[in-house]
Amino acid sequence: MSSIIGTTDFDALYKTNFNYYTQLFLFFGIAIAFAVKTPIIFLNTWLLKAHVESPLSGSIILAGVVLKLSLYGILRLILPLLPKAYISCNYFIYLIGVVTIIYASISTLRTIDVKELIAYSSVSHAAVYVMGVFSNTVQGIEGGITLGLAHGFVSSGLFICAGGVLYDRSSTRLITYYRGIAQLMPLFSTILFILCLGNCGVPLTLNFVGEFLSLYGGFVKSPLLGALASSSIILSAAYTIYMFNRIAFAGSYSKFFVVNISDLNKREFYILLILVLFTVGLGVYPTPVLDGLHYSVTTLIHHPPLNI
């Protein structure tokens, strides 16, 4: 870009219209980098190890902030600068998104590590919001950004539940050992349940608003691939409710723990409560988020180079 235009200033680049083949070349270069960061299938192996082996703070920052940088990069670089290339490659992007959703969800169903399960679910949700922002519709892009925000709240909350509460008290991440937690930790189980519902995209959570609008954008672009992408709703419910059921219920309390483990303390409760309030509050009334996005997204869609 610098060699063609002579600058890397955003204002100057936004006024430039690269020719088609230059756009394709730049698109594949930038898109592969952001595909690793998102991550999409076959480029997601780093995420599982990063989440599973990192401390709690690392998992929260990775889920809440770092994974959203790809979304930010797509909105700042690909959509305004390379419109012809991404519209040409739209079906290819959607196909990769659908494969990512189905593959990641099926992989999630068979894992028994709590942190790994939450990390795999992040891959599936990331594919949904990428499909939303590449839909070239106002609703799809707004939904993609909203889902990215919602995923930051819910995924961070789930990592706090898994790493900051359960692992901290028991030193194991395996779902097998956690049965019957609701008998000892009712407050924790209630908050975990709400966060799990958010992860499934249940109505009245912000995740539902984001997923619904993202998948709507997908249907507008390609009804068949949009329908296949909608399998994420069923599959995410399957692995999330499986995880909650095995941790909170699934019989009497596990004899694995020598001593009874304590429920949430004040600090943990208030941290998780804030994330739950944002998820549910903005899910019931998402207008502040959507109204704030509407002008910018409309400007992005109707930017002069996009009228091709």
C-alpha atoms as a PDB file:
ATOM      1  CA  MET A   1       0.000   0.000   0.000  1.00  0.00           C
ATOM      2  CA  SER A   2       2.805   2.374   0.914  1.00  0.00           C
ATOM      3  CA  SER A   3       4.653   1.772  -2.352  1.00  0.00           C
ATOM      4  CA  ILE A   4       1.508   2.377  -4.474  1.00  0.00           C
ATOM      5  CA  ILE A   5       0.051   5.370  -2.613  1.00  0.00           C
ATOM      6  CA  GLY A   6       3.190   6.741  -0.984  1.00  0.00           C
ATOM      7  CA  THR A   7       1.594   6.842   2.483  1.00  0.00           C
ATOM      8  CA  THR A   8      -0.046   4.586   5.046  1.00  0.00           C
ATOM      9  CA  ASP A   9      -2.319   7.321   6.428  1.00  0.00           C
ATOM     10  CA  PHE A  10      -5.905   6.065   6.769  1.00  0.00           C
ATOM     11  CA  ASP A  11      -7.520   9.255   5.474  1.00  0.00           C
ATOM     12  CA  ALA A  12      -5.462   9.112   2.275  1.00  0.00           C
ATOM     13  CA  LEU A  13      -6.028   5.361   1.811  1.00  0.00           C
ATOM     14  CA  TYR A  14      -9.815   5.683   2.215  1.00  0.00           C
ATOM     15  CA  LYS A  15      -9.875   8.113  -0.743  1.00  0.00           C
ATOM     16  CA  THR A  16      -7.993   5.624  -2.952  1.00  0.00           C
ATOM     17  CA  ASN A  17      -9.536   2.984  -5.177  1.00  0.00           C
ATOM     18  CA  PHE A  18      -7.024   0.166  -5.856  1.00  0.00           C
ATOM     19  CA  ASN A  19      -7.511  -1.818  -9.044  1.00  0.00           C
ATOM     20  CA  TYR A  20      -9.134  -5.252  -8.791  1.00  0.00           C
ATOM     21  CA  TYR A  21      -6.037  -7.473  -8.889  1.00  0.00           C
ATOM     22  CA  THR A  22      -4.191  -5.278  -6.397  1.00  0.00           C
ATOM     23  CA  GLN A  23      -7.195  -5.541  -4.099  1.00  0.00           C
ATOM     24  CA  LEU A  24      -7.220  -9.339  -4.414  1.00  0.00           C
ATOM     25  CA  PHE A  25      -3.500  -9.553  -3.604  1.00  0.00           C
ATOM     26  CA  LEU A  26      -3.858  -7.244  -0.586  1.00  0.00           C
ATOM     27  CA  PHE A  27      -7.039  -8.992   0.546  1.00  0.00           C
ATOM     28  CA  PHE A  28      -5.447 -12.449   0.731  1.00  0.00           C
ATOM     29  CA  GLY A  29      -2.383 -11.072   2.493  1.00  0.00           C
ATOM     30  CA  ILE A  30      -4.382  -9.225   5.132  1.00  0.00           C
ATOM     31  CA  ALA A  31      -7.181 -11.801   5.438  1.00  0.00           C
ATOM     32  CA  ILE A  32      -4.806 -14.698   6.196  1.00  0.00           C
ATOM     33  CA  ALA A  33      -3.230 -12.656   9.013  1.00  0.00           C
ATOM     34  CA  PHE A  34      -6.635 -11.871  10.509  1.00  0.00           C
ATOM     35  CA  ALA A  35      -7.796 -15.462   9.956  1.00  0.00           C
ATOM     36  CA  VAL A  36      -5.044 -16.607  12.335  1.00  0.00           C
ATOM     37  CA  LYS A  37      -6.103 -13.979  14.872  1.00  0.00           C
ATOM     38  CA  THR A  38      -9.855 -14.748  14.583  1.00  0.00           C
ATOM     39  CA  PRO A  39      -9.103 -17.814  14.425  1.00  0.00           C
ATOM     40  CA  ILE A  40     -10.665 -19.887  11.635  1.00  0.00           C
ATOM     41  CA  ILE A  41     -10.323 -23.612  11.109  1.00  0.00           C
ATOM     42  CA  PHE A  42      -6.833 -25.105  10.570  1.00  0.00           C
ATOM     43  CA  LEU A  43      -5.340 -21.840  11.883  1.00  0.00           C
ATOM     44  CA  ASN A  44      -6.810 -22.225  15.373  1.00  0.00           C
ATOM     45  CA  THR A  45      -4.348 -24.665  16.981  1.00  0.00           C
ATOM     46  CA  TRP A  46      -2.529 -21.878  18.845  1.00  0.00           C
ATOM     47  CA  LEU A  47      -5.710 -20.715  20.601  1.00  0.00           C
ATOM     48  CA  LEU A  48      -6.399 -23.935  22.494  1.00  0.00           C
ATOM     49  CA  LYS A  49      -2.909 -24.167  23.983  1.00  0.00           C
ATOM     50  CA  ALA A  50      -2.861 -20.419  24.680  1.00  0.00           C
ATOM     51  CA  HIS A  51      -6.154 -20.611  26.602  1.00  0.00           C
ATOM     52  CA  VAL A  52      -5.523 -23.891  28.403  1.00  0.00           C
ATOM     53  CA  GLU A  53      -1.956 -23.164  29.523  1.00  0.00           C
ATOM     54  CA  SER A  54      -2.298 -19.449  30.272  1.00  0.00           C
ATOM     55  CA  PRO A  55      -3.190 -18.072  33.717  1.00  0.00           C
ATOM     56  CA  LEU A  56      -6.672 -16.725  34.353  1.00  0.00           C
ATOM     57  CA  SER A  57      -5.787 -13.115  33.482  1.00  0.00           C
ATOM     58  CA  GLY A  58      -4.271 -14.269  30.174  1.00  0.00           C
ATOM     59  CA  SER A  59      -7.437 -16.177  29.231  1.00  0.00           C
ATOM     60  CA  ILE A  60      -9.668 -13.191  30.060  1.00  0.00           C
ATOM     61  CA  ILE A  61      -7.573 -10.713  28.038  1.00  0.00           C
ATOM     62  CA  LEU A  62      -7.305 -13.194  25.149  1.00  0.00           C
ATOM     63  CA  ALA A  63     -11.068 -13.858  25.031  1.00  0.00           C
ATOM     64  CA  GLY A  64     -12.251 -10.327  25.752  1.00  0.00           C
ATOM     65  CA  VAL A  65      -9.734  -8.170  23.856  1.00  0.00           C
ATOM     66  CA  VAL A  66      -7.145  -9.954  21.703  1.00  0.00           C
ATOM     67  CA  LEU A  67      -9.568 -12.083  19.638  1.00  0.00           C
ATOM     68  CA  LYS A  68     -11.575  -8.941  18.815  1.00  0.00           C
ATOM     69  CA  LEU A  69      -8.568  -7.302  17.139  1.00  0.00           C
ATOM     70  CA  SER A  70      -9.274  -9.326  13.995  1.00  0.00           C
ATOM     71  CA  LEU A  71     -12.803  -7.880  13.930  1.00  0.00           C
ATOM     72  CA  TYR A  72     -11.365  -4.385  14.333  1.00  0.00           C
ATOM     73  CA  GLY A  73      -8.822  -5.031  11.552  1.00  0.00           C
ATOM     74  CA  ILE A  74     -11.524  -6.252   9.160  1.00  0.00           C
ATOM     75  CA  LEU A  75     -13.633  -3.140   9.824  1.00  0.00           C
ATOM     76  CA  ARG A  76     -10.712  -0.705   9.488  1.00  0.00           C
ATOM     77  CA  LEU A  77      -8.715  -2.294   6.654  1.00  0.00           C
ATOM     78  CA  ILE A  78     -10.619  -4.830   4.554  1.00  0.00           C
ATOM     79  CA  LEU A  79     -14.151  -3.383   4.324  1.00  0.00           C
ATOM     80  CA  PRO A  80     -13.314   0.254   3.445  1.00  0.00           C
ATOM     81  CA  LEU A  81     -10.112  -0.333   1.405  1.00  0.00           C
ATOM     82  CA  LEU A  82     -10.727  -3.602  -0.477  1.00  0.00           C
ATOM     83  CA  PRO A  83     -14.471  -3.721  -1.293  1.00  0.00           C
ATOM     84  CA  LYS A  84     -14.266  -5.394  -4.730  1.00  0.00           C
ATOM     85  CA  ALA A  85     -11.997  -8.167  -3.450  1.00  0.00           C
ATOM     86  CA  TYR A  86     -14.071  -9.102  -0.403  1.00  0.00           C
ATOM     87  CA  ILE A  87     -17.353  -9.003  -2.362  1.00  0.00           C
ATOM     88  CA  SER A  88     -15.797 -11.328  -4.982  1.00  0.00           C
ATOM     89  CA  CYS A  89     -14.521 -13.722  -2.290  1.00  0.00           C
ATOM     90  CA  ASN A  90     -17.694 -13.575  -0.197  1.00  0.00           C
ATOM     91  CA  TYR A  91     -18.887 -17.126  -0.834  1.00  0.00           C
ATOM     92  CA  PHE A  92     -15.405 -18.493  -0.163  1.00  0.00           C
ATOM     93  CA  ILE A  93     -15.347 -16.666   3.202  1.00  0.00           C
ATOM     94  CA  TYR A  94     -18.822 -17.991   4.030  1.00  0.00           C
ATOM     95  CA  LEU A  95     -17.836 -21.556   3.156  1.00  0.00           C
ATOM     96  CA  ILE A  96     -14.815 -21.346   5.468  1.00  0.00           C
ATOM     97  CA  GLY A  97     -17.072 -19.835   8.180  1.00  0.00           C
ATOM     98  CA  VAL A  98     -19.588 -22.691   7.945  1.00  0.00           C
ATOM     99  CA  VAL A  99     -16.834 -25.344   8.058  1.00  0.00           C
ATOM    100  CA  THR A 100     -15.290 -23.587  11.070  1.00  0.00           C
ATOM    101  CA  ILE A 101     -18.622 -23.478  12.939  1.00  0.00           C
ATOM    102  CA  ILE A 102     -19.441 -27.151  12.353  1.00  0.00           C
ATOM    103  CA  TYR A 103     -15.911 -28.506  12.891  1.00  0.00           C
ATOM    104  CA  ALA A 104     -15.260 -26.448  16.040  1.00  0.00           C
ATOM    105  CA  SER A 105     -18.665 -27.338  17.515  1.00  0.00           C
ATOM    106  CA  ILE A 106     -18.217 -31.078  16.926  1.00  0.00           C
ATOM    107  CA  SER A 107     -14.700 -30.886  18.405  1.00  0.00           C
ATOM    108  CA  THR A 108     -16.168 -29.083  21.429  1.00  0.00           C
ATOM    109  CA  LEU A 109     -18.726 -31.851  22.007  1.00  0.00           C
ATOM    110  CA  ARG A 110     -16.007 -34.413  22.681  1.00  0.00           C
ATOM    111  CA  THR A 111     -13.685 -32.433  24.953  1.00  0.00           C
ATOM    112  CA  ILE A 112     -13.645 -33.025  28.727  1.00  0.00           C
ATOM    113  CA  ASP A 113     -11.404 -30.077  29.677  1.00  0.00           C
ATOM    114  CA  VAL A 114     -13.498 -27.080  30.818  1.00  0.00           C
ATOM    115  CA  LYS A 115     -11.104 -24.374  29.571  1.00  0.00           C
ATOM    116  CA  GLU A 116     -10.588 -26.196  26.272  1.00  0.00           C
ATOM    117  CA  LEU A 117     -14.355 -26.430  25.791  1.00  0.00           C
ATOM    118  CA  ILE A 118     -14.781 -22.666  26.306  1.00  0.00           C
ATOM    119  CA  ALA A 119     -11.817 -21.988  23.961  1.00  0.00           C
ATOM    120  CA  TYR A 120     -13.311 -24.186  21.217  1.00  0.00           C
ATOM    121  CA  SER A 121     -16.667 -22.428  21.604  1.00  0.00           C
ATOM    122  CA  SER A 122     -14.836 -19.104  21.019  1.00  0.00           C
ATOM    123  CA  VAL A 123     -13.722 -20.401  17.602  1.00  0.00           C
ATOM    124  CA  SER A 124     -17.314 -21.213  16.648  1.00  0.00           C
ATOM    125  CA  HIS A 125     -18.651 -17.819  17.759  1.00  0.00           C
ATOM    126  CA  ALA A 126     -15.793 -15.999  16.030  1.00  0.00           C
ATOM    127  CA  ALA A 127     -16.782 -17.638  12.727  1.00  0.00           C
ATOM    128  CA  VAL A 128     -20.370 -16.388  13.188  1.00  0.00           C
ATOM    129  CA  TYR A 129     -19.344 -12.756  13.707  1.00  0.00           C
ATOM    130  CA  VAL A 130     -16.875 -12.891  10.802  1.00  0.00           C
ATOM    131  CA  MET A 131     -19.717 -14.088   8.556  1.00  0.00           C
ATOM    132  CA  GLY A 132     -21.810 -11.192   9.869  1.00  0.00           C
ATOM    133  CA  VAL A 133     -19.262  -8.468   9.080  1.00  0.00           C
ATOM    134  CA  PHE A 134     -18.606  -9.890   5.592  1.00  0.00           C
ATOM    135  CA  SER A 135     -22.336  -9.943   4.726  1.00  0.00           C
ATOM    136  CA  ASN A 136     -22.227  -6.373   3.285  1.00  0.00           C
ATOM    137  CA  THR A 137     -25.495  -5.572   5.073  1.00  0.00           C
ATOM    138  CA  VAL A 138     -26.038  -3.022   7.852  1.00  0.00           C
ATOM    139  CA  GLN A 139     -27.725  -5.633  10.088  1.00  0.00           C
ATOM    140  CA  GLY A 140     -24.981  -8.210   9.536  1.00  0.00           C
ATOM    141  CA  ILE A 141     -22.129  -5.828  10.390  1.00  0.00           C
ATOM    142  CA  GLU A 142     -23.967  -4.439  13.445  1.00  0.00           C
ATOM    143  CA  GLY A 143     -24.671  -8.027  14.541  1.00  0.00           C
ATOM    144  CA  GLY A 144     -21.024  -9.049  14.081  1.00  0.00           C
ATOM    145  CA  ILE A 145     -19.784  -6.174  16.253  1.00  0.00           C
ATOM    146  CA  THR A 146     -22.515  -6.812  18.861  1.00  0.00           C
ATOM    147  CA  LEU A 147     -21.667 -10.528  19.009  1.00  0.00           C
ATOM    148  CA  GLY A 148     -17.977  -9.661  19.417  1.00  0.00           C
ATOM    149  CA  LEU A 149     -18.876  -7.452  22.384  1.00  0.00           C
ATOM    150  CA  ALA A 150     -21.229 -10.041  23.890  1.00  0.00           C
ATOM    151  CA  HIS A 151     -18.681 -12.828  23.470  1.00  0.00           C
ATOM    152  CA  GLY A 152     -16.154 -10.704  25.360  1.00  0.00           C
ATOM    153  CA  PHE A 153     -18.513 -10.523  28.382  1.00  0.00           C
ATOM    154  CA  VAL A 154     -19.695 -14.152  28.372  1.00  0.00           C
ATOM    155  CA  SER A 155     -16.426 -15.869  27.489  1.00  0.00           C
ATOM    156  CA  SER A 156     -14.522 -13.851  30.101  1.00  0.00           C
ATOM    157  CA  GLY A 157     -17.169 -14.777  32.678  1.00  0.00           C
ATOM    158  CA  LEU A 158     -16.943 -18.470  31.793  1.00  0.00           C
ATOM    159  CA  PHE A 159     -13.146 -18.388  32.073  1.00  0.00           C
ATOM    160  CA  ILE A 160     -13.453 -16.786  35.519  1.00  0.00           C
ATOM    161  CA  CYS A 161     -15.890 -19.570  36.515  1.00  0.00           C
ATOM    162  CA  ALA A 162     -13.631 -22.313  35.148  1.00  0.00           C
ATOM    163  CA  GLY A 163     -10.168 -20.966  35.984  1.00  0.00           C
ATOM    164  CA  GLY A 164     -10.742 -18.463  38.785  1.00  0.00           C
ATOM    165  CA  VAL A 165     -13.290 -20.429  40.816  1.00  0.00           C
ATOM    166  CA  LEU A 166     -13.315 -24.164  40.010  1.00  0.00           C
ATOM    167  CA  TYR A 167      -9.644 -24.657  39.124  1.00  0.00           C
ATOM    168  CA  ASP A 168      -8.536 -22.374  41.963  1.00  0.00           C
ATOM    169  CA  ARG A 169     -10.373 -24.536  44.511  1.00  0.00           C
ATOM    170  CA  SER A 170      -9.781 -27.994  43.059  1.00  0.00           C
ATOM    171  CA  SER A 171      -6.638 -27.849  40.833  1.00  0.00           C
ATOM    172  CA  THR A 172      -8.274 -29.809  38.021  1.00  0.00           C
ATOM    173  CA  ARG A 173      -9.951 -28.769  34.771  1.00  0.00           C
ATOM    174  CA  LEU A 174     -11.618 -32.093  33.921  1.00  0.00           C
ATOM    175  CA  ILE A 175     -15.428 -32.033  33.758  1.00  0.00           C
ATOM    176  CA  THR A 176     -15.526 -35.642  35.019  1.00  0.00           C
ATOM    177  CA  TYR A 177     -14.567 -34.619  38.563  1.00  0.00           C
ATOM    178  CA  TYR A 178     -17.019 -31.745  38.959  1.00  0.00           C
ATOM    179  CA  ARG A 179     -20.402 -33.448  39.214  1.00  0.00           C
ATOM    180  CA  GLY A 180     -22.937 -32.200  41.769  1.00  0.00           C
ATOM    181  CA  ILE A 181     -21.353 -28.753  42.288  1.00  0.00           C
ATOM    182  CA  ALA A 182     -24.848 -27.184  42.661  1.00  0.00           C
ATOM    183  CA  GLN A 183     -25.218 -28.981  46.021  1.00  0.00           C
ATOM    184  CA  LEU A 184     -22.268 -27.069  47.489  1.00  0.00           C
ATOM    185  CA  MET A 185     -22.081 -23.892  45.383  1.00  0.00           C
ATOM    186  CA  PRO A 186     -25.655 -22.744  44.576  1.00  0.00           C
ATOM    187  CA  LEU A 187     -24.690 -19.109  43.955  1.00  0.00           C
ATOM    188  CA  PHE A 188     -21.864 -20.093  41.608  1.00  0.00           C
ATOM    189  CA  SER A 189     -24.124 -22.563  39.771  1.00  0.00           C
ATOM    190  CA  THR A 190     -26.780 -19.865  39.203  1.00  0.00           C
ATOM    191  CA  ILE A 191     -24.307 -17.405  37.681  1.00  0.00           C
ATOM    192  CA  LEU A 192     -22.669 -20.166  35.621  1.00  0.00           C
ATOM    193  CA  PHE A 193     -26.126 -21.108  34.307  1.00  0.00           C
ATOM    194  CA  ILE A 194     -26.860 -17.537  33.142  1.00  0.00           C
ATOM    195  CA  LEU A 195     -23.448 -17.301  31.424  1.00  0.00           C
ATOM    196  CA  CYS A 196     -24.028 -20.694  29.760  1.00  0.00           C
ATOM    197  CA  LEU A 197     -27.385 -19.461  28.451  1.00  0.00           C
ATOM    198  CA  GLY A 198     -25.570 -16.417  27.069  1.00  0.00           C
ATOM    199  CA  ASN A 199     -23.029 -18.689  25.381  1.00  0.00           C
ATOM    200  CA  CYS A 200     -25.903 -20.579  23.704  1.00  0.00           C
ATOM    201  CA  GLY A 201     -27.394 -17.329  22.388  1.00  0.00           C
ATOM    202  CA  VAL A 202     -30.660 -17.586  24.335  1.00  0.00           C
ATOM    203  CA  PRO A 203     -33.129 -14.662  23.891  1.00  0.00           C
ATOM    204  CA  LEU A 204     -32.784 -11.777  26.407  1.00  0.00           C
ATOM    205  CA  THR A 205     -28.983 -12.023  26.229  1.00  0.00           C
ATOM    206  CA  LEU A 206     -26.757  -9.783  24.101  1.00  0.00           C
ATOM    207  CA  ASN A 207     -25.360 -12.894  22.358  1.00  0.00           C
ATOM    208  CA  PHE A 208     -28.813 -13.602  20.932  1.00  0.00           C
ATOM    209  CA  VAL A 209     -29.043 -10.112  19.412  1.00  0.00           C
ATOM    210  CA  GLY A 210     -25.557 -10.447  17.866  1.00  0.00           C
ATOM    211  CA  GLU A 211     -26.072 -13.992  16.552  1.00  0.00           C
ATOM    212  CA  PHE A 212     -29.532 -13.250  15.168  1.00  0.00           C
ATOM    213  CA  LEU A 213     -28.352 -10.192  13.214  1.00  0.00           C
ATOM    214  CA  SER A 214     -25.134 -11.923  12.023  1.00  0.00           C
ATOM    215  CA  LEU A 215     -27.078 -14.945  10.751  1.00  0.00           C
ATOM    216  CA  TYR A 216     -29.656 -12.630   9.166  1.00  0.00           C
ATOM    217  CA  GLY A 217     -26.795 -11.032   7.211  1.00  0.00           C
ATOM    218  CA  GLY A 218     -25.684 -14.541   6.234  1.00  0.00           C
ATOM    219  CA  PHE A 219     -29.158 -15.460   4.973  1.00  0.00           C
ATOM    220  CA  VAL A 220     -29.313 -12.297   2.851  1.00  0.00           C
ATOM    221  CA  LYS A 221     -26.012 -13.171   1.197  1.00  0.00           C
ATOM    222  CA  SER A 222     -26.524 -16.917   0.803  1.00  0.00           C
ATOM    223  CA  PRO A 223     -29.647 -18.675   2.135  1.00  0.00           C
ATOM    224  CA  LEU A 224     -28.049 -22.142   1.963  1.00  0.00           C
ATOM    225  CA  LEU A 225     -24.823 -21.210   3.773  1.00  0.00           C
ATOM    226  CA  GLY A 226     -26.844 -19.073   6.194  1.00  0.00           C
ATOM    227  CA  ALA A 227     -28.986 -22.105   7.043  1.00  0.00           C
ATOM    228  CA  LEU A 228     -25.887 -24.273   7.584  1.00  0.00           C
ATOM    229  CA  ALA A 229     -24.325 -21.555   9.757  1.00  0.00           C
ATOM    230  CA  SER A 230     -27.504 -21.548  11.882  1.00  0.00           C
ATOM    231  CA  SER A 231     -26.503 -25.028  13.083  1.00  0.00           C
ATOM    232  CA  SER A 232     -24.224 -23.118  15.485  1.00  0.00           C
ATOM    233  CA  ILE A 233     -27.349 -22.353  17.579  1.00  0.00           C
ATOM    234  CA  ILE A 234     -28.144 -26.043  18.119  1.00  0.00           C
ATOM    235  CA  LEU A 235     -24.533 -27.175  18.471  1.00  0.00           C
ATOM    236  CA  SER A 236     -23.572 -24.406  20.918  1.00  0.00           C
ATOM    237  CA  ALA A 237     -26.607 -25.317  23.048  1.00  0.00           C
ATOM    238  CA  ALA A 238     -25.543 -28.981  22.931  1.00  0.00           C
ATOM    239  CA  TYR A 239     -21.998 -28.526  24.245  1.00  0.00           C
ATOM    240  CA  THR A 240     -22.740 -25.655  26.657  1.00  0.00           C
ATOM    241  CA  ILE A 241     -25.695 -27.345  28.368  1.00  0.00           C
ATOM    242  CA  TYR A 242     -23.713 -30.610  28.430  1.00  0.00           C
ATOM    243  CA  MET A 243     -20.901 -28.804  30.259  1.00  0.00           C
ATOM    244  CA  PHE A 244     -23.259 -27.124  32.753  1.00  0.00           C
ATOM    245  CA  ASN A 245     -25.211 -30.310  33.383  1.00  0.00           C
ATOM    246  CA  ARG A 246     -22.066 -32.370  34.065  1.00  0.00           C
ATOM    247  CA  ILE A 247     -20.596 -29.709  36.373  1.00  0.00           C
ATOM    248  CA  ALA A 248     -23.675 -28.613  38.354  1.00  0.00           C
ATOM    249  CA  PHE A 249     -25.751 -31.823  38.451  1.00  0.00           C
ATOM    250  CA  ALA A 250     -24.989 -35.337  37.106  1.00  0.00           C
ATOM    251  CA  GLY A 251     -25.579 -37.145  40.391  1.00  0.00           C
ATOM    252  CA  SER A 252     -24.245 -36.790  43.912  1.00  0.00           C
ATOM    253  CA  TYR A 253     -21.264 -34.593  44.723  1.00  0.00           C
ATOM    254  CA  SER A 254     -17.959 -36.054  43.511  1.00  0.00           C
ATOM    255  CA  LYS A 255     -15.816 -37.850  46.123  1.00  0.00           C
ATOM    256  CA  PHE A 256     -12.739 -36.573  44.295  1.00  0.00           C
ATOM    257  CA  PHE A 257     -12.496 -33.594  46.666  1.00  0.00           C
ATOM    258  CA  VAL A 258     -11.326 -34.423  50.169  1.00  0.00           C
ATOM    259  CA  VAL A 259     -12.875 -31.264  51.648  1.00  0.00           C
ATOM    260  CA  ASN A 260     -15.989 -29.348  50.666  1.00  0.00           C
ATOM    261  CA  ILE A 261     -15.185 -26.389  48.427  1.00  0.00           C
ATOM    262  CA  SER A 262     -16.615 -22.975  49.282  1.00  0.00           C
ATOM    263  CA  ASP A 263     -19.099 -20.955  47.261  1.00  0.00           C
ATOM    264  CA  LEU A 264     -18.257 -17.600  45.627  1.00  0.00           C
ATOM    265  CA  ASN A 265     -16.684 -14.967  47.858  1.00  0.00           C
ATOM    266  CA  LYS A 266     -17.682 -11.290  47.586  1.00  0.00           C
ATOM    267  CA  ARG A 267     -14.968 -10.329  45.098  1.00  0.00           C
ATOM    268  CA  GLU A 268     -15.733 -13.195  42.690  1.00  0.00           C
ATOM    269  CA  PHE A 269     -19.481 -12.605  42.981  1.00  0.00           C
ATOM    270  CA  TYR A 270     -19.303  -8.893  42.124  1.00  0.00           C
ATOM    271  CA  ILE A 271     -16.958  -9.452  39.148  1.00  0.00           C
ATOM    272  CA  LEU A 272     -19.246 -12.118  37.682  1.00  0.00           C
ATOM    273  CA  LEU A 273     -22.391 -10.123  38.502  1.00  0.00           C
ATOM    274  CA  ILE A 274     -21.129  -7.143  36.472  1.00  0.00           C
ATOM    275  CA  LEU A 275     -20.551  -9.386  33.411  1.00  0.00           C
ATOM    276  CA  VAL A 276     -23.998 -10.992  33.843  1.00  0.00           C
ATOM    277  CA  LEU A 277     -25.711  -7.586  34.160  1.00  0.00           C
ATOM    278  CA  PHE A 278     -24.065  -6.327  30.956  1.00  0.00           C
ATOM    279  CA  THR A 279     -25.018  -9.507  29.092  1.00  0.00           C
ATOM    280  CA  VAL A 280     -28.652  -9.568  30.229  1.00  0.00           C
ATOM    281  CA  GLY A 281     -29.202  -5.782  30.442  1.00  0.00           C
ATOM    282  CA  LEU A 282     -27.991  -5.097  26.909  1.00  0.00           C
ATOM    283  CA  GLY A 283     -29.784  -8.257  25.718  1.00  0.00           C
ATOM    284  CA  VAL A 284     -33.125  -6.925  26.985  1.00  0.00           C
ATOM    285  CA  TYR A 285     -32.418  -3.382  25.714  1.00  0.00           C
ATOM    286  CA  PRO A 286     -29.691  -3.425  23.006  1.00  0.00           C
ATOM    287  CA  THR A 287     -30.592   0.048  21.646  1.00  0.00           C
ATOM    288  CA  PRO A 288     -27.544   1.851  23.160  1.00  0.00           C
ATOM    289  CA  VAL A 289     -25.188  -0.517  21.308  1.00  0.00           C
ATOM    290  CA  LEU A 290     -27.084  -0.675  18.000  1.00  0.00           C
ATOM    291  CA  ASP A 291     -27.845   3.067  17.839  1.00  0.00           C
ATOM    292  CA  GLY A 292     -24.203   3.860  18.536  1.00  0.00           C
ATOM    293  CA  LEU A 293     -23.132   1.618  15.658  1.00  0.00           C
ATOM    294  CA  HIS A 294     -25.784   2.576  13.105  1.00  0.00           C
ATOM    295  CA  TYR A 295     -24.285   5.764  11.668  1.00  0.00           C
ATOM    296  CA  SER A 296     -20.745   4.359  11.348  1.00  0.00           C
ATOM    297  CA  VAL A 297     -21.916   1.072   9.790  1.00  0.00           C
ATOM    298  CA  THR A 298     -24.205   2.841   7.300  1.00  0.00           C
ATOM    299  CA  THR A 299     -21.325   5.124   6.297  1.00  0.00           C
ATOM    300  CA  LEU A 300     -19.070   2.091   5.850  1.00  0.00           C
ATOM    301  CA  ILE A 301     -21.592   0.277   3.647  1.00  0.00           C
ATOM    302  CA  HIS A 302     -22.397   3.308   1.462  1.00  0.00           C
ATOM    303  CA  HIS A 303     -18.817   4.503   1.120  1.00  0.00           C
ATOM    304  CA  PRO A 304     -18.328   5.587  -2.554  1.00  0.00           C
ATOM    305  CA  PRO A 305     -15.917   2.750  -3.565  1.00  0.00           C
ATOM    306  CA  LEU A 306     -18.508   0.180  -2.419  1.00  0.00           C
ATOM    307  CA  ASN A 307     -20.956   1.255  -5.131  1.00  0.00           C
ATOM    308  CA  ILE A 308     -19.669  -1.221  -7.725  1.00  0.00           C
END
